[in-house]
Amino acid sequence: MPGFGRGHSYGQARTSFPSRGKLNVRSDMGRARPAVDTGTGEFIQLELLGKDDKPYAWSGGGRHVNVSKKLASAVWAKESGYTKNDKLVYGYYLFNSPPGDEPLRESFRQIGLALELRPNAVSNSVCNLHRGGFLLEAESVGKVTFYKLNGRAAYDGSANQQHRAIEHTRHPVVPCPPKKKEAS
């Protein structure tokens, strides 16, 4: 097979399959190391940087959020059924929620001050996002309910934590489901 085992265009690592079928990775430093733990079948983290190489320093710093681009683009589409305020509030939750499965413990008034929205508008948007499954009820303190991001749409944490967080959560939906009419 042409090109098999020659590595990718960046020249950082090359894979090869010796006669025993064990996957090895050979860095530019030369020494071959196993890429898979044969006992468990799990991939082994490989350090591809040489001892004098420095990892890329993120200029912005801070944590990174794993976001479903497909769902996020569907929310921001014109025909999504979500309002401009809903999109603002969802963005606020994306970038201000604590790591893991923790809720954002801010009142609608605090969120409204940050987004220049009335608390009522924030409440309506949170209700829309909750109906659509993008925000989930996390805890209540007295009459105040705090919401968290649905891990299926966005998650700030490891893949293992995300897997545990979404085991019993519903899938977010687009378009936004209509409000249920109250019985009179």
Protein backbone atom coordinates (compact mmCIF):
# COMPACT_ATOMS: atom_id res chain seq x y z
CA MET A 1 0.00 0.00 0.00
CA PRO A 2 1.71 3.25 -1.07
CA GLY A 3 2.38 5.73 1.73
CA PHE A 4 1.40 3.25 4.47
CA GLY A 5 3.40 3.89 7.63
CA ARG A 6 5.07 7.01 6.28
CA GLY A 7 3.31 9.43 8.63
CA HIS A 8 1.38 12.57 7.95
CA SER A 9 2.51 15.69 6.15
CA TYR A 10 3.74 17.40 9.33
CA GLY A 11 6.34 14.71 9.97
CA GLN A 12 5.63 14.55 13.71
CA ALA A 13 4.80 10.87 13.99
CA ARG A 14 4.65 7.78 11.83
CA THR A 15 2.57 4.70 12.47
CA SER A 16 3.59 1.19 11.59
CA PHE A 17 2.21 -2.29 12.02
CA PRO A 18 5.00 -4.81 12.70
CA SER A 19 4.44 -8.45 11.87
CA ARG A 20 2.80 -9.16 15.25
CA GLY A 21 -0.01 -6.66 14.51
CA LYS A 22 0.83 -4.25 17.37
CA LEU A 23 0.30 -0.60 16.46
CA ASN A 24 3.45 1.44 17.15
CA VAL A 25 4.10 5.14 16.74
CA ARG A 26 7.57 6.34 15.83
CA SER A 27 8.29 9.99 16.59
CA ASP A 28 10.91 12.03 14.77
CA MET A 29 13.13 11.27 17.76
CA GLY A 30 13.35 7.69 16.44
CA ARG A 31 12.30 5.34 19.23
CA ALA A 32 9.11 3.33 18.58
CA ARG A 33 6.58 3.22 21.42
CA PRO A 34 3.32 1.27 21.70
CA ALA A 35 0.25 3.35 20.84
CA VAL A 36 -2.31 0.93 22.29
CA ASP A 37 -2.42 -0.88 25.62
CA THR A 38 -2.95 -4.45 24.41
CA GLY A 39 -4.45 -5.51 27.74
CA THR A 40 -7.29 -2.97 27.72
CA GLY A 41 -7.42 -1.86 24.08
CA GLU A 42 -7.13 1.80 25.10
CA PHE A 43 -5.00 4.31 23.24
CA ILE A 44 -1.90 5.53 25.07
CA GLN A 45 -1.27 9.29 25.25
CA LEU A 46 1.83 10.01 23.20
CA GLU A 47 4.14 12.90 23.74
CA LEU A 48 5.14 13.96 20.25
CA LEU A 49 7.17 16.96 21.32
CA GLY A 50 10.91 16.63 21.70
CA LYS A 51 12.56 17.62 24.96
CA ASP A 52 13.53 21.05 23.54
CA ASP A 53 10.12 21.69 21.92
CA LYS A 54 7.63 23.93 23.67
CA PRO A 55 3.87 23.30 23.49
CA TYR A 56 1.70 25.94 21.88
CA ALA A 57 0.69 28.60 24.41
CA TRP A 58 -2.93 29.67 24.01
CA SER A 59 -2.99 33.46 23.97
CA GLY A 60 -6.48 33.65 25.45
CA GLY A 61 -5.91 31.10 28.16
CA GLY A 62 -8.72 29.69 30.21
CA ARG A 63 -10.91 26.64 29.83
CA HIS A 64 -12.39 25.32 26.60
CA VAL A 65 -15.96 24.13 26.12
CA ASN A 66 -16.89 21.16 23.95
CA VAL A 67 -19.90 22.42 21.94
CA SER A 68 -21.99 20.59 19.37
CA LYS A 69 -21.52 22.78 16.30
CA LYS A 70 -24.50 21.14 14.60
CA LEU A 71 -26.89 22.00 17.44
CA ALA A 72 -25.44 25.47 18.00
CA SER A 73 -25.76 26.39 14.32
CA ALA A 74 -29.34 25.06 14.34
CA VAL A 75 -30.18 27.32 17.31
CA TRP A 76 -28.68 30.35 15.56
CA ALA A 77 -30.52 29.64 12.27
CA LYS A 78 -33.23 32.13 11.42
CA GLU A 79 -35.99 29.49 11.35
CA SER A 80 -34.97 27.85 14.65
CA GLY A 81 -37.87 29.25 16.65
CA TYR A 82 -35.45 30.70 19.20
CA THR A 83 -35.44 34.49 19.63
CA LYS A 84 -32.44 36.83 19.68
CA ASN A 85 -32.72 36.96 23.46
CA ASP A 86 -32.74 33.14 23.64
CA LYS A 87 -29.49 33.07 21.67
CA LEU A 88 -27.93 35.71 23.93
CA VAL A 89 -28.92 33.82 27.07
CA TYR A 90 -27.68 30.51 25.63
CA GLY A 91 -24.35 32.16 24.78
CA TYR A 92 -24.17 33.56 28.31
CA TYR A 93 -24.68 30.08 29.77
CA LEU A 94 -22.07 28.65 27.37
CA PHE A 95 -19.36 31.04 28.44
CA ASN A 96 -20.21 31.60 32.11
CA SER A 97 -21.25 28.19 33.42
CA PRO A 98 -18.84 26.53 35.84
CA PRO A 99 -16.97 23.40 34.75
CA GLY A 100 -18.56 19.96 34.91
CA ASP A 101 -22.19 19.34 35.73
CA GLU A 102 -22.61 22.39 37.97
CA PRO A 103 -25.43 24.89 37.41
CA LEU A 104 -24.90 28.58 36.75
CA ARG A 105 -25.80 30.08 40.12
CA GLU A 106 -26.82 33.54 38.98
CA SER A 107 -30.24 35.12 39.20
CA PHE A 108 -32.15 36.25 36.12
CA ARG A 109 -31.55 39.80 37.36
CA GLN A 110 -27.74 39.27 37.35
CA ILE A 111 -27.83 37.69 33.89
CA GLY A 112 -30.10 40.49 32.66
CA LEU A 113 -27.70 43.17 33.92
CA ALA A 114 -24.82 41.51 32.06
CA LEU A 115 -26.82 41.13 28.82
CA GLU A 116 -28.75 44.41 29.12
CA LEU A 117 -32.06 42.52 29.27
CA ARG A 118 -34.92 42.68 31.72
CA PRO A 119 -35.14 39.79 34.19
CA ASN A 120 -38.52 38.88 32.63
CA ALA A 121 -36.89 38.54 29.19
CA VAL A 122 -34.15 36.33 30.67
CA SER A 123 -36.82 34.21 32.38
CA ASN A 124 -38.71 33.76 29.09
CA SER A 125 -35.51 32.80 27.27
CA VAL A 126 -34.50 30.31 29.95
CA CYS A 127 -37.99 28.77 29.71
CA ASN A 128 -37.64 28.46 25.91
CA LEU A 129 -34.16 26.94 26.20
CA HIS A 130 -35.38 24.57 28.92
CA ARG A 131 -38.36 23.44 26.80
CA GLY A 132 -35.94 22.84 23.93
CA GLY A 133 -33.60 20.85 26.15
CA PHE A 134 -30.57 23.16 25.93
CA LEU A 135 -30.82 24.10 29.61
CA LEU A 136 -31.75 21.62 32.33
CA GLU A 137 -33.05 22.27 35.83
CA ALA A 138 -30.22 21.54 38.24
CA GLU A 139 -31.29 22.67 41.71
CA SER A 140 -33.77 24.82 43.56
CA VAL A 141 -33.10 27.08 46.51
CA GLY A 142 -36.39 28.31 47.88
CA LYS A 143 -38.34 29.65 44.90
CA VAL A 144 -35.22 30.09 42.75
CA THR A 145 -34.33 27.40 40.21
CA PHE A 146 -30.82 27.21 38.80
CA TYR A 147 -30.15 25.75 35.37
CA LYS A 148 -27.17 24.02 33.78
CA LEU A 149 -26.16 23.36 30.19
CA ASN A 150 -27.30 20.07 28.71
CA GLY A 151 -24.11 18.02 28.27
CA ARG A 152 -25.42 16.79 24.90
CA ALA A 153 -25.23 20.35 23.54
CA ALA A 154 -22.17 21.70 25.37
CA TYR A 155 -19.88 20.48 28.12
CA ASP A 156 -16.89 21.85 30.01
CA GLY A 157 -14.99 18.86 31.32
CA SER A 158 -13.40 15.57 30.36
CA ALA A 159 -14.97 13.08 27.95
CA ASN A 160 -15.54 10.61 30.80
CA GLN A 161 -17.36 13.24 32.87
CA GLN A 162 -19.45 14.23 29.84
CA HIS A 163 -20.37 10.59 29.21
CA ARG A 164 -21.62 10.24 32.80
CA ALA A 165 -23.44 13.59 32.65
CA ILE A 166 -25.48 12.69 29.55
CA GLU A 167 -26.46 9.13 30.47
CA HIS A 168 -30.00 10.13 31.42
CA THR A 169 -30.50 13.49 29.70
CA ARG A 170 -32.81 14.23 26.83
CA HIS A 171 -31.68 15.43 23.43
CA PRO A 172 -32.01 19.17 22.72
CA VAL A 173 -34.41 19.99 19.90
CA VAL A 174 -34.73 22.58 17.17
CA PRO A 175 -37.15 24.22 16.43
CA CYS A 176 -38.15 25.51 19.85
CA PRO A 177 -41.19 23.60 21.16
CA PRO A 178 -44.28 25.77 21.67
CA LYS A 179 -45.44 26.79 25.14
CA LYS A 180 -48.11 24.56 26.62
CA LYS A 181 -51.45 26.31 27.02
CA GLU A 182 -52.72 26.51 30.57
CA ALA A 183 -56.08 24.89 31.27
CA SER A 184 -58.75 27.44 32.16
